[in-house]
N, C-alpha and C. Protein backbone atom coordinates (compact mmCIF):
# COMPACT_ATOMS: atom_id res chain seq x y z
N UNK A 1 14.63 -5.80 -11.23
CA UNK A 1 15.03 -5.35 -9.91
C UNK A 1 15.54 -3.92 -10.13
N UNK A 2 15.20 -3.11 -9.42
CA UNK A 2 15.70 -1.66 -9.49
C UNK A 2 16.88 -1.50 -8.98
N UNK A 3 18.00 -0.75 -9.47
CA UNK A 3 19.28 -0.78 -8.95
C UNK A 3 19.44 0.75 -8.65
N UNK A 4 20.54 0.96 -7.74
CA UNK A 4 20.88 2.18 -7.14
C UNK A 4 21.81 2.96 -8.21
N UNK A 5 21.44 4.28 -8.50
CA UNK A 5 22.24 4.87 -9.34
C UNK A 5 23.61 5.43 -8.83
N UNK A 6 23.83 5.15 -7.55
CA UNK A 6 25.08 5.76 -6.92
C UNK A 6 26.44 5.25 -7.60
N UNK A 7 27.46 5.94 -7.28
CA UNK A 7 28.71 5.50 -7.62
C UNK A 7 29.08 4.09 -7.04
N UNK A 8 29.69 3.06 -7.79
CA UNK A 8 30.00 1.80 -7.20
C UNK A 8 30.99 1.87 -6.03
N UNK A 9 30.93 1.04 -5.00
CA UNK A 9 31.82 1.22 -4.03
C UNK A 9 33.11 0.51 -4.38
N UNK A 10 34.21 0.92 -3.60
CA UNK A 10 35.65 0.36 -3.65
C UNK A 10 35.56 -1.13 -3.87
N UNK A 11 36.48 -1.83 -4.43
CA UNK A 11 36.50 -3.27 -4.55
C UNK A 11 36.38 -4.14 -3.39
N UNK A 12 37.21 -3.53 -2.27
CA UNK A 12 36.88 -4.31 -1.00
C UNK A 12 35.81 -3.43 -0.41
N UNK A 13 34.59 -3.89 -0.64
CA UNK A 13 33.35 -3.14 -0.28
C UNK A 13 32.64 -3.75 1.07
N UNK A 14 33.27 -4.50 1.68
CA UNK A 14 32.51 -5.12 2.95
C UNK A 14 32.36 -4.01 3.86
N UNK A 15 33.14 -3.12 4.13
CA UNK A 15 32.95 -2.08 5.11
C UNK A 15 32.03 -1.02 4.58
N UNK A 16 32.23 -0.70 3.34
CA UNK A 16 31.26 0.08 2.59
C UNK A 16 29.83 -0.41 2.86
N UNK A 17 29.55 -1.58 2.39
CA UNK A 17 28.16 -2.20 2.40
C UNK A 17 27.63 -2.23 3.81
N UNK A 18 28.50 -2.68 4.77
CA UNK A 18 28.09 -2.63 6.19
C UNK A 18 27.69 -1.25 6.71
N UNK A 19 28.45 -0.35 6.37
CA UNK A 19 28.01 1.10 6.81
C UNK A 19 26.73 1.49 6.13
N UNK A 20 26.47 1.33 4.93
CA UNK A 20 25.26 1.63 4.12
C UNK A 20 24.07 0.81 4.76
N UNK A 21 24.18 -0.40 5.17
CA UNK A 21 23.07 -1.14 5.80
C UNK A 21 22.64 -0.58 7.11
N UNK A 22 23.96 -0.29 7.82
CA UNK A 22 23.55 0.50 9.13
C UNK A 22 22.84 1.80 8.97
N UNK A 23 23.19 2.60 8.06
CA UNK A 23 22.53 3.74 7.78
C UNK A 23 21.09 3.59 7.36
N UNK A 24 21.00 2.57 6.37
CA UNK A 24 19.55 2.32 6.00
C UNK A 24 18.61 1.88 7.12
N UNK A 25 19.20 0.96 8.03
CA UNK A 25 18.52 0.65 9.13
C UNK A 25 18.02 1.77 10.15
N UNK A 26 19.05 2.51 10.26
CA UNK A 26 19.11 3.76 11.25
C UNK A 26 17.83 4.70 10.63
N UNK A 27 18.03 4.71 9.36
CA UNK A 27 17.02 5.66 8.59
C UNK A 27 15.52 5.11 8.87
N UNK A 28 15.39 3.72 8.58
CA UNK A 28 14.10 3.25 8.87
C UNK A 28 13.74 3.35 10.05
N UNK A 29 14.47 3.22 11.16
CA UNK A 29 13.96 3.33 12.44
C UNK A 29 13.58 4.78 12.59
N UNK A 30 14.31 5.85 12.05
CA UNK A 30 14.00 7.10 12.44
C UNK A 30 12.63 7.55 11.64
N UNK A 31 12.64 7.21 10.55
CA UNK A 31 11.37 7.45 9.79
C UNK A 31 10.20 6.77 10.21
N UNK A 32 10.29 5.55 10.73
CA UNK A 32 9.20 4.82 11.28
C UNK A 32 8.61 5.60 12.53
N UNK A 33 9.61 6.04 13.33
CA UNK A 33 9.23 6.55 14.55
C UNK A 33 8.73 8.04 14.40
N UNK A 34 9.26 8.87 13.58
CA UNK A 34 8.98 10.32 13.41
C UNK A 34 8.22 10.58 12.10
N UNK A 35 8.37 9.70 11.19
CA UNK A 35 7.75 10.03 9.83
C UNK A 35 9.00 10.58 9.07
N UNK A 36 8.88 10.64 7.65
CA UNK A 36 10.06 11.13 6.86
C UNK A 36 10.16 12.58 7.09
N UNK A 37 9.01 13.43 6.99
CA UNK A 37 9.34 14.85 7.03
C UNK A 37 10.06 15.20 8.45
N UNK A 38 9.62 14.68 9.36
CA UNK A 38 10.14 15.12 10.91
C UNK A 38 11.47 14.37 11.02
N UNK A 39 11.83 13.46 10.44
CA UNK A 39 13.00 12.68 10.66
C UNK A 39 14.35 13.39 10.02
N UNK A 40 15.31 13.43 10.71
CA UNK A 40 16.67 14.19 10.24
C UNK A 40 17.87 13.35 9.96
N UNK A 41 18.79 13.65 9.10
CA UNK A 41 19.93 12.92 8.91
C UNK A 41 20.82 13.07 10.07
N UNK A 42 20.74 14.19 10.93
CA UNK A 42 21.31 14.34 12.11
C UNK A 42 20.90 13.26 13.17
N UNK A 43 19.81 12.88 13.31
CA UNK A 43 19.30 11.89 14.31
C UNK A 43 19.77 10.57 13.76
N UNK A 44 19.73 10.38 12.18
CA UNK A 44 20.13 9.16 11.77
C UNK A 44 21.57 8.74 12.11
N UNK A 45 22.43 9.87 11.93
CA UNK A 45 23.60 9.75 12.10
C UNK A 45 24.17 9.45 13.61
N UNK A 46 23.31 10.14 14.44
CA UNK A 46 23.41 9.78 16.10
C UNK A 46 23.09 8.18 16.25
N UNK A 47 21.77 7.91 15.62
CA UNK A 47 21.46 6.55 15.83
C UNK A 47 22.57 5.50 15.45
N UNK A 48 23.17 5.55 14.33
CA UNK A 48 24.22 4.69 13.88
C UNK A 48 25.76 4.94 14.34
N UNK A 49 25.85 6.15 15.04
CA UNK A 49 27.26 6.29 15.48
C UNK A 49 28.25 6.75 14.54
N UNK A 50 27.56 7.52 13.39
CA UNK A 50 28.51 8.09 12.45
C UNK A 50 28.25 9.66 12.48
N UNK A 51 29.04 10.31 11.74
CA UNK A 51 29.10 11.83 11.53
C UNK A 51 27.77 11.91 10.37
N UNK A 52 27.18 13.36 10.58
CA UNK A 52 26.32 13.52 9.45
C UNK A 52 26.76 13.51 8.10
N UNK A 53 28.10 14.23 7.83
CA UNK A 53 28.75 13.82 6.46
C UNK A 53 28.84 12.57 6.09
N UNK A 54 29.10 11.75 6.87
CA UNK A 54 28.99 10.37 6.46
C UNK A 54 27.75 9.68 5.94
N UNK A 55 26.78 10.38 6.37
CA UNK A 55 25.40 9.80 5.79
C UNK A 55 25.35 10.17 4.35
N UNK A 56 25.76 11.33 3.86
CA UNK A 56 25.70 11.85 2.69
C UNK A 56 26.90 11.03 1.74
N UNK A 57 28.00 10.69 2.46
CA UNK A 57 29.17 10.08 1.79
C UNK A 57 28.73 8.52 1.29
N UNK A 58 27.96 7.83 2.28
CA UNK A 58 27.85 6.54 1.98
C UNK A 58 26.48 6.27 1.38
N UNK A 59 25.36 7.18 1.48
CA UNK A 59 24.12 6.91 0.92
C UNK A 59 23.76 8.30 0.09
N UNK A 60 23.44 9.31 0.96
CA UNK A 60 23.11 10.62 0.25
C UNK A 60 22.34 11.34 1.16
N UNK A 61 21.47 12.40 0.48
CA UNK A 61 20.61 13.02 1.30
C UNK A 61 19.46 12.55 1.68
N UNK A 62 18.56 12.95 2.44
CA UNK A 62 17.32 12.28 3.04
C UNK A 62 16.48 11.84 1.84
N UNK A 63 16.31 12.25 0.79
CA UNK A 63 15.55 11.88 -0.50
C UNK A 63 16.12 10.63 -0.75
N UNK A 64 17.45 10.44 -1.02
CA UNK A 64 18.17 9.39 -1.41
C UNK A 64 17.91 8.34 -0.30
N UNK A 65 17.93 8.59 0.86
CA UNK A 65 17.65 7.51 2.02
C UNK A 65 16.32 6.94 1.77
N UNK A 66 15.34 7.49 1.62
CA UNK A 66 13.84 7.10 1.23
C UNK A 66 13.97 6.35 0.02
N UNK A 67 14.69 6.79 -1.02
CA UNK A 67 14.64 6.09 -2.37
C UNK A 67 15.38 4.77 -2.16
N UNK A 68 16.50 4.66 -1.34
CA UNK A 68 17.18 3.35 -1.30
C UNK A 68 16.27 2.54 -0.44
N UNK A 69 15.78 3.07 0.50
CA UNK A 69 14.74 2.07 1.29
C UNK A 69 13.78 1.48 0.31
N UNK A 70 13.24 2.22 -0.68
CA UNK A 70 12.38 1.73 -1.57
C UNK A 70 12.94 0.71 -2.47
N UNK A 71 14.14 0.94 -2.79
CA UNK A 71 15.02 -0.04 -3.61
C UNK A 71 15.14 -1.32 -2.95
N UNK A 72 15.39 -1.21 -1.56
CA UNK A 72 15.68 -2.29 -0.60
C UNK A 72 14.34 -3.30 -0.66
N UNK A 73 13.23 -2.81 -0.59
CA UNK A 73 11.95 -3.53 -0.73
C UNK A 73 11.89 -4.23 -1.98
N UNK A 74 12.27 -3.38 -3.00
CA UNK A 74 12.18 -4.08 -4.29
C UNK A 74 13.03 -5.31 -4.31
N UNK A 75 14.27 -5.11 -3.89
CA UNK A 75 15.07 -6.26 -3.74
C UNK A 75 14.67 -7.45 -2.93
N UNK A 76 14.00 -7.14 -1.82
CA UNK A 76 13.51 -8.10 -0.99
C UNK A 76 12.51 -8.83 -1.75
N UNK A 77 11.48 -8.14 -2.40
CA UNK A 77 10.61 -8.85 -3.27
C UNK A 77 11.11 -9.74 -4.18
N UNK A 78 11.96 -9.20 -5.06
CA UNK A 78 12.56 -10.04 -6.18
C UNK A 78 13.40 -11.28 -5.87
N UNK A 79 14.30 -11.01 -4.60
CA UNK A 79 15.09 -12.12 -4.16
C UNK A 79 14.19 -13.14 -3.58
N UNK A 80 13.11 -12.78 -2.77
CA UNK A 80 12.34 -13.71 -2.24
C UNK A 80 11.58 -14.57 -3.34
N UNK A 81 11.40 -13.91 -4.50
CA UNK A 81 10.53 -14.75 -5.52
C UNK A 81 11.66 -15.82 -6.20
N UNK A 82 12.85 -15.23 -6.47
CA UNK A 82 13.98 -16.12 -7.22
C UNK A 82 14.29 -17.27 -6.15
N UNK A 83 14.35 -16.93 -4.86
CA UNK A 83 14.63 -18.14 -3.89
C UNK A 83 13.49 -19.12 -3.98
N UNK A 84 12.10 -18.53 -3.97
CA UNK A 84 11.07 -19.44 -3.97
C UNK A 84 10.96 -20.44 -5.00
N UNK A 85 11.28 -19.83 -6.40
CA UNK A 85 11.04 -20.52 -7.54
C UNK A 85 12.13 -21.51 -7.99
N UNK A 86 13.42 -21.24 -7.57
CA UNK A 86 14.42 -21.88 -8.28
C UNK A 86 14.67 -23.25 -7.76
N UNK A 87 14.14 -23.60 -6.54
CA UNK A 87 14.48 -24.86 -5.82
C UNK A 87 13.24 -25.94 -6.12
N UNK A 88 12.36 -25.45 -6.86
CA UNK A 88 11.27 -26.57 -6.99
C UNK A 88 10.53 -26.24 -8.35
N UNK A 89 9.84 -27.43 -8.80
CA UNK A 89 9.20 -27.33 -10.25
C UNK A 89 7.86 -27.42 -9.76
N UNK A 90 7.26 -27.95 -8.73
CA UNK A 90 5.90 -28.29 -8.45
C UNK A 90 5.33 -26.91 -8.07
N UNK A 91 4.27 -26.39 -8.65
CA UNK A 91 3.61 -25.04 -8.32
C UNK A 91 3.32 -24.97 -6.85
N UNK A 92 2.68 -25.79 -6.24
CA UNK A 92 2.23 -25.78 -4.59
C UNK A 92 3.67 -25.61 -3.95
N UNK A 93 4.82 -26.38 -4.27
CA UNK A 93 5.95 -26.32 -3.53
C UNK A 93 6.64 -24.84 -3.70
N UNK A 94 6.51 -24.34 -5.07
CA UNK A 94 7.09 -23.06 -5.45
C UNK A 94 6.37 -21.99 -4.58
N UNK A 95 4.91 -22.02 -4.56
CA UNK A 95 4.13 -20.84 -3.84
C UNK A 95 4.48 -21.05 -2.28
N UNK A 96 4.62 -22.20 -1.93
CA UNK A 96 4.90 -22.43 -0.37
C UNK A 96 6.42 -21.69 -0.24
N UNK A 97 7.32 -21.98 -1.05
CA UNK A 97 8.72 -21.54 -0.75
C UNK A 97 8.89 -19.95 -1.01
N UNK A 98 7.93 -19.44 -1.82
CA UNK A 98 7.93 -18.08 -1.98
C UNK A 98 7.36 -17.45 -0.77
N UNK A 99 6.24 -18.05 -0.21
CA UNK A 99 5.78 -17.43 1.11
C UNK A 99 6.86 -17.67 2.23
N UNK A 100 7.63 -18.46 2.29
CA UNK A 100 8.65 -18.69 3.35
C UNK A 100 9.64 -17.54 3.21
N UNK A 101 10.06 -17.38 1.87
CA UNK A 101 11.22 -16.49 1.71
C UNK A 101 10.65 -15.11 1.68
N UNK A 102 9.44 -14.85 1.34
CA UNK A 102 8.88 -13.41 1.56
C UNK A 102 8.78 -13.26 3.12
N UNK A 103 8.33 -14.06 3.82
CA UNK A 103 8.10 -13.91 5.34
C UNK A 103 9.35 -13.68 6.09
N UNK A 104 10.42 -14.39 5.65
CA UNK A 104 11.73 -14.22 6.13
C UNK A 104 12.34 -12.88 5.85
N UNK A 105 12.16 -12.40 4.69
CA UNK A 105 12.64 -11.12 4.33
C UNK A 105 11.95 -9.94 5.11
N UNK A 106 10.63 -10.09 5.16
CA UNK A 106 9.80 -9.33 5.89
C UNK A 106 10.26 -9.07 7.48
N UNK A 107 10.61 -10.12 7.91
CA UNK A 107 10.94 -10.24 9.36
C UNK A 107 12.12 -9.52 9.58
N UNK A 108 13.27 -9.82 8.57
CA UNK A 108 14.44 -9.05 8.87
C UNK A 108 14.40 -7.71 8.56
N UNK A 109 13.50 -7.18 7.48
CA UNK A 109 13.50 -5.74 7.23
C UNK A 109 12.11 -5.18 7.53
N UNK A 110 11.56 -5.48 8.73
CA UNK A 110 10.04 -5.06 8.89
C UNK A 110 10.15 -3.61 8.94
N UNK A 111 11.02 -2.67 9.41
CA UNK A 111 10.79 -1.42 9.57
C UNK A 111 10.91 -0.91 8.32
N UNK A 112 11.92 -1.40 7.42
CA UNK A 112 12.10 -0.93 6.19
C UNK A 112 10.75 -0.86 5.19
N UNK A 113 10.19 -2.17 5.31
CA UNK A 113 8.87 -2.36 4.57
C UNK A 113 7.86 -1.41 5.12
N UNK A 114 7.82 -1.16 6.55
CA UNK A 114 6.84 -0.20 7.10
C UNK A 114 6.91 1.10 6.55
N UNK A 115 8.36 1.61 6.56
CA UNK A 115 8.42 2.82 5.97
C UNK A 115 8.08 2.99 4.47
N UNK A 116 8.40 2.02 3.72
CA UNK A 116 7.99 2.11 2.25
C UNK A 116 6.65 2.15 2.10
N UNK A 117 5.75 1.49 2.91
CA UNK A 117 4.24 1.40 2.74
C UNK A 117 3.69 2.72 3.25
N UNK A 118 4.25 3.19 4.44
CA UNK A 118 3.80 4.37 4.93
C UNK A 118 4.22 5.72 4.45
N UNK A 119 5.28 5.76 3.73
CA UNK A 119 5.88 7.02 3.08
C UNK A 119 6.06 6.91 1.81
N UNK A 120 4.88 6.27 1.15
CA UNK A 120 4.89 6.34 -0.49
C UNK A 120 5.03 7.74 -0.96
N UNK A 121 4.34 8.70 -0.53
CA UNK A 121 4.46 10.16 -1.04
C UNK A 121 5.88 10.84 -0.98
N UNK A 122 6.60 10.46 -0.07
CA UNK A 122 8.05 10.81 0.09
C UNK A 122 9.00 10.30 -1.03
N UNK A 123 8.65 9.15 -1.70
CA UNK A 123 9.60 8.61 -2.67
C UNK A 123 9.78 9.26 -3.88
N UNK A 124 10.89 9.53 -4.21
CA UNK A 124 11.07 10.31 -5.62
C UNK A 124 10.25 9.58 -6.70
N UNK A 125 9.58 10.36 -7.54
CA UNK A 125 8.73 9.91 -8.49
C UNK A 125 9.31 8.78 -9.42
N UNK A 126 10.57 9.02 -9.87
CA UNK A 126 11.25 7.95 -10.85
C UNK A 126 11.62 6.61 -10.14
N UNK A 127 11.76 6.80 -8.84
CA UNK A 127 12.03 5.63 -8.12
C UNK A 127 10.81 4.79 -7.82
N UNK A 128 9.77 5.51 -7.47
CA UNK A 128 8.59 4.91 -7.19
C UNK A 128 7.92 4.16 -8.39
N UNK A 129 8.29 4.76 -9.67
CA UNK A 129 7.74 4.26 -10.74
C UNK A 129 8.33 3.02 -11.23
N UNK A 130 9.71 3.06 -11.12
CA UNK A 130 10.75 1.97 -11.31
C UNK A 130 10.36 0.71 -10.42
N UNK A 131 10.26 0.95 -9.12
CA UNK A 131 9.75 -0.01 -8.10
C UNK A 131 8.45 -0.61 -8.69
N UNK A 132 7.44 0.32 -8.85
CA UNK A 132 6.14 -0.03 -9.27
C UNK A 132 6.16 -1.04 -10.39
N UNK A 133 6.91 -0.64 -11.42
CA UNK A 133 7.00 -1.53 -12.61
C UNK A 133 7.76 -2.94 -12.29
N UNK A 134 8.65 -2.96 -11.33
CA UNK A 134 9.37 -4.16 -11.03
C UNK A 134 8.34 -5.05 -10.38
N UNK A 135 7.56 -4.50 -9.38
CA UNK A 135 6.54 -5.20 -8.46
C UNK A 135 5.51 -5.83 -9.49
N UNK A 136 5.13 -5.14 -10.51
CA UNK A 136 4.19 -5.56 -11.53
C UNK A 136 4.63 -6.90 -12.19
N UNK A 137 6.01 -6.96 -12.51
CA UNK A 137 6.59 -8.30 -13.08
C UNK A 137 6.59 -9.21 -11.88
N UNK A 138 6.68 -8.92 -10.53
CA UNK A 138 6.77 -9.88 -9.65
C UNK A 138 5.49 -10.38 -9.39
N UNK A 139 4.36 -9.56 -9.59
CA UNK A 139 3.14 -10.15 -9.33
C UNK A 139 2.65 -11.08 -10.42
N UNK A 140 2.93 -10.70 -11.66
CA UNK A 140 2.71 -11.59 -12.90
C UNK A 140 3.32 -12.80 -12.65
N UNK A 141 4.52 -12.99 -12.18
CA UNK A 141 5.18 -14.29 -11.91
C UNK A 141 4.60 -14.98 -10.94
N UNK A 142 4.11 -14.46 -9.82
CA UNK A 142 3.35 -15.04 -8.83
C UNK A 142 2.03 -15.32 -9.30
N UNK A 143 1.36 -14.74 -10.13
CA UNK A 143 0.08 -14.95 -10.75
C UNK A 143 0.28 -16.20 -11.57
N UNK A 144 1.33 -16.46 -12.27
CA UNK A 144 1.54 -17.72 -13.06
C UNK A 144 1.52 -18.83 -12.18
N UNK A 145 2.22 -18.81 -10.90
CA UNK A 145 2.27 -20.01 -10.17
C UNK A 145 0.97 -20.27 -9.50
N UNK A 146 0.12 -19.16 -9.10
CA UNK A 146 -1.18 -19.40 -8.49
C UNK A 146 -2.14 -20.08 -9.52
N UNK A 147 -1.91 -19.78 -10.90
CA UNK A 147 -2.65 -20.43 -12.06
C UNK A 147 -2.36 -21.82 -12.00
N UNK A 148 -1.01 -22.23 -11.99
CA UNK A 148 -0.71 -23.61 -12.10
C UNK A 148 -1.24 -24.38 -10.89
N UNK A 149 -1.20 -23.60 -9.65
CA UNK A 149 -1.77 -24.34 -8.44
C UNK A 149 -3.39 -24.58 -8.58
N UNK A 150 -3.99 -23.58 -9.25
CA UNK A 150 -5.47 -23.96 -9.61
C UNK A 150 -5.53 -25.04 -10.57
N UNK A 151 -4.71 -25.14 -11.64
CA UNK A 151 -4.79 -26.20 -12.64
C UNK A 151 -4.55 -27.45 -11.93
N UNK A 152 -3.71 -27.58 -10.84
CA UNK A 152 -3.34 -28.78 -10.29
C UNK A 152 -4.30 -29.06 -9.16
N UNK A 153 -5.25 -28.29 -8.92
CA UNK A 153 -6.33 -28.50 -7.92
C UNK A 153 -5.99 -28.22 -6.69
N UNK A 154 -4.71 -27.63 -6.39
CA UNK A 154 -4.38 -27.14 -4.98
C UNK A 154 -4.92 -25.93 -4.44
N UNK A 155 -5.43 -24.95 -5.39
CA UNK A 155 -6.20 -23.81 -5.06
C UNK A 155 -7.50 -23.71 -5.85
N UNK A 156 -8.62 -23.15 -5.36
CA UNK A 156 -9.95 -23.26 -6.07
C UNK A 156 -9.68 -22.67 -7.54
N UNK A 157 -10.41 -23.38 -8.50
CA UNK A 157 -10.10 -22.98 -9.82
C UNK A 157 -11.44 -22.01 -10.07
N UNK A 158 -12.42 -21.95 -9.35
CA UNK A 158 -13.57 -21.39 -9.69
C UNK A 158 -13.33 -19.68 -9.51
N UNK A 159 -12.48 -19.38 -8.75
CA UNK A 159 -12.19 -17.85 -8.56
C UNK A 159 -11.09 -17.36 -9.57
N UNK A 160 -11.33 -15.98 -9.95
CA UNK A 160 -10.21 -15.60 -10.75
C UNK A 160 -8.75 -15.58 -10.33
N UNK A 161 -7.98 -15.76 -11.13
CA UNK A 161 -6.59 -16.13 -10.56
C UNK A 161 -5.98 -14.78 -9.98
N UNK A 162 -6.19 -13.61 -10.56
CA UNK A 162 -5.63 -12.58 -10.13
C UNK A 162 -6.24 -12.14 -8.79
N UNK A 163 -7.41 -12.40 -8.43
CA UNK A 163 -8.04 -12.05 -7.22
C UNK A 163 -7.26 -12.99 -5.94
N UNK A 164 -6.92 -14.29 -6.35
CA UNK A 164 -6.31 -15.20 -5.30
C UNK A 164 -4.85 -14.50 -5.12
N UNK A 165 -4.13 -14.23 -6.39
CA UNK A 165 -2.78 -13.59 -6.19
C UNK A 165 -2.76 -12.34 -5.34
N UNK A 166 -3.71 -11.53 -5.54
CA UNK A 166 -3.70 -10.17 -4.76
C UNK A 166 -3.98 -10.50 -3.13
N UNK A 167 -4.91 -11.69 -3.21
CA UNK A 167 -5.15 -11.82 -1.70
C UNK A 167 -3.90 -12.34 -1.12
N UNK A 168 -3.22 -13.24 -1.73
CA UNK A 168 -2.05 -13.81 -0.94
C UNK A 168 -0.94 -12.89 -0.74
N UNK A 169 -0.75 -12.03 -1.70
CA UNK A 169 0.25 -10.98 -1.52
C UNK A 169 -0.12 -9.97 -0.55
N UNK A 170 -1.29 -9.66 -0.58
CA UNK A 170 -1.91 -8.80 0.44
C UNK A 170 -1.72 -9.25 2.05
N UNK A 171 -2.13 -10.37 2.09
CA UNK A 171 -1.81 -11.07 3.35
C UNK A 171 -0.25 -11.13 3.82
N UNK A 172 0.49 -11.51 2.78
CA UNK A 172 1.98 -11.34 3.27
C UNK A 172 2.37 -9.92 3.55
N UNK A 173 2.14 -9.02 2.70
CA UNK A 173 2.41 -7.58 2.68
C UNK A 173 2.01 -6.90 3.95
N UNK A 174 0.88 -7.20 4.48
CA UNK A 174 0.21 -6.73 5.54
C UNK A 174 0.73 -6.95 6.82
N UNK A 175 1.70 -8.18 6.95
CA UNK A 175 2.23 -8.53 8.22
C UNK A 175 3.12 -7.67 9.08
N UNK A 176 3.58 -6.63 8.17
CA UNK A 176 4.57 -5.74 8.67
C UNK A 176 3.83 -4.81 9.81
N UNK A 177 2.28 -4.81 9.57
CA UNK A 177 1.49 -4.08 10.65
C UNK A 177 1.40 -4.60 11.98
N UNK A 178 1.59 -5.83 12.00
CA UNK A 178 1.27 -6.53 13.32
C UNK A 178 2.25 -7.46 13.87
N UNK A 179 3.35 -7.80 12.98
CA UNK A 179 4.24 -8.79 13.48
C UNK A 179 5.41 -8.00 14.25
N UNK A 180 5.83 -8.71 15.41
CA UNK A 180 6.73 -8.31 16.33
C UNK A 180 7.86 -9.43 16.29
N UNK A 181 9.21 -8.96 15.99
CA UNK A 181 10.22 -9.82 15.90
C UNK A 181 10.54 -10.46 17.12
N UNK A 182 10.26 -9.73 18.31
CA UNK A 182 10.59 -10.27 19.73
C UNK A 182 9.42 -10.95 20.38
N UNK A 183 8.40 -11.26 19.37
CA UNK A 183 7.09 -11.99 20.00
C UNK A 183 7.30 -13.47 19.88
N UNK A 184 6.24 -14.21 20.14
CA UNK A 184 6.33 -15.60 20.47
C UNK A 184 6.57 -16.43 19.04
N UNK A 185 6.21 -15.96 17.80
CA UNK A 185 6.36 -16.71 16.77
C UNK A 185 7.37 -15.98 15.75
N UNK A 186 8.27 -16.95 15.21
CA UNK A 186 9.13 -16.67 14.26
C UNK A 186 8.64 -16.62 12.77
N UNK A 187 9.48 -16.23 11.96
CA UNK A 187 9.03 -16.28 10.41
C UNK A 187 8.58 -17.53 9.99
N UNK A 188 9.25 -18.73 10.49
CA UNK A 188 9.03 -20.09 10.13
C UNK A 188 7.54 -20.10 10.37
N UNK A 189 7.17 -20.00 11.63
CA UNK A 189 5.81 -20.31 12.19
C UNK A 189 4.80 -19.37 11.32
N UNK A 190 5.13 -18.25 10.94
CA UNK A 190 4.06 -17.52 10.28
C UNK A 190 3.88 -18.02 8.87
N UNK A 191 4.92 -18.41 8.17
CA UNK A 191 4.94 -18.83 6.92
C UNK A 191 4.21 -20.17 6.84
N UNK A 192 4.32 -21.00 7.93
CA UNK A 192 3.81 -22.34 8.05
C UNK A 192 2.23 -22.17 8.05
N UNK A 193 1.89 -21.10 8.85
CA UNK A 193 0.40 -20.76 9.11
C UNK A 193 -0.14 -20.21 8.00
N UNK A 194 0.64 -19.24 7.18
CA UNK A 194 -0.06 -18.79 5.70
C UNK A 194 -0.08 -20.00 4.95
N UNK A 195 0.79 -20.87 4.72
CA UNK A 195 0.82 -22.01 3.89
C UNK A 195 -0.37 -22.80 4.24
N UNK A 196 -0.53 -23.18 5.42
CA UNK A 196 -1.61 -24.16 5.80
C UNK A 196 -3.01 -23.59 5.55
N UNK A 197 -3.13 -22.25 5.81
CA UNK A 197 -4.39 -21.44 5.34
C UNK A 197 -4.84 -21.57 3.95
N UNK A 198 -3.83 -21.70 3.04
CA UNK A 198 -3.99 -21.90 1.66
C UNK A 198 -4.10 -23.40 1.31
N UNK A 199 -3.82 -24.17 2.25
CA UNK A 199 -3.66 -25.70 1.72
C UNK A 199 -2.50 -26.04 1.11
N UNK A 200 -1.30 -25.50 1.59
CA UNK A 200 -0.16 -25.83 0.94
C UNK A 200 0.74 -26.34 1.96
N UNK A 201 0.10 -27.27 2.90
CA UNK A 201 0.97 -27.88 3.92
C UNK A 201 1.96 -28.78 3.22
N UNK A 202 3.37 -28.68 3.71
CA UNK A 202 4.41 -29.60 3.14
C UNK A 202 4.03 -30.86 3.02
N UNK A 203 4.31 -31.62 1.95
CA UNK A 203 3.95 -33.05 1.91
C UNK A 203 2.51 -33.45 1.45
N UNK A 204 1.69 -32.39 1.61
CA UNK A 204 0.35 -32.76 1.07
C UNK A 204 0.11 -32.93 -0.26
N UNK A 205 -0.82 -34.17 -0.67
CA UNK A 205 -0.88 -34.29 -2.02
C UNK A 205 -2.13 -33.56 -2.65
N UNK A 206 -2.02 -33.24 -3.86
CA UNK A 206 -3.06 -32.33 -4.45
C UNK A 206 -4.50 -33.31 -4.50
N UNK A 207 -5.61 -32.64 -4.35
CA UNK A 207 -6.76 -33.45 -4.42
C UNK A 207 -7.13 -34.05 -5.50
N UNK A 208 -7.54 -35.21 -5.66
CA UNK A 208 -7.87 -35.91 -6.97
C UNK A 208 -9.19 -35.63 -7.53
N UNK A 209 -9.08 -35.34 -8.73
CA UNK A 209 -10.38 -35.23 -9.37
C UNK A 209 -11.32 -36.22 -9.74
């Protein structure tokens, strides 16, 4: 997982963390609405009710805001994977858990994900490279779960594992384009639909050979 290079917050960091989260959420809103180039730290400050110098104090300049958004997406990827894998040994259950955790993370940070995918060129090169390397590790770990699902007869074994892995991750990642948090379906329903589509319905037994 990619970590932020900024100075660590004070020991009592609850207020510090809350303000940083508020600023990043505000930055995601502004960049989503206006794009990175047109969005300003002044508008972000107004959006979250802070002074413009506070933006620089808690996070940094505009480039650091987009960099931290990229790091947040990387943390979402990594934490979703860890949550999905730690509570199960069965590969089908692991994959289902990963889908649930991934979908929940996306629902909470939808604009952050949208900005990350839409503003790739604005992300500083060193951060983009570090996040990319981290995501390659993520893909390899999901690929291993998919391979074991194929071996268990849960997913079709006749197709290349990496093709299935990329299809699954692409399906999940693209959700930010159409999902509306205020809409009819919550993240649990989405995750259930994705899992059912892949034949990962909870409690379903693997087919017998």
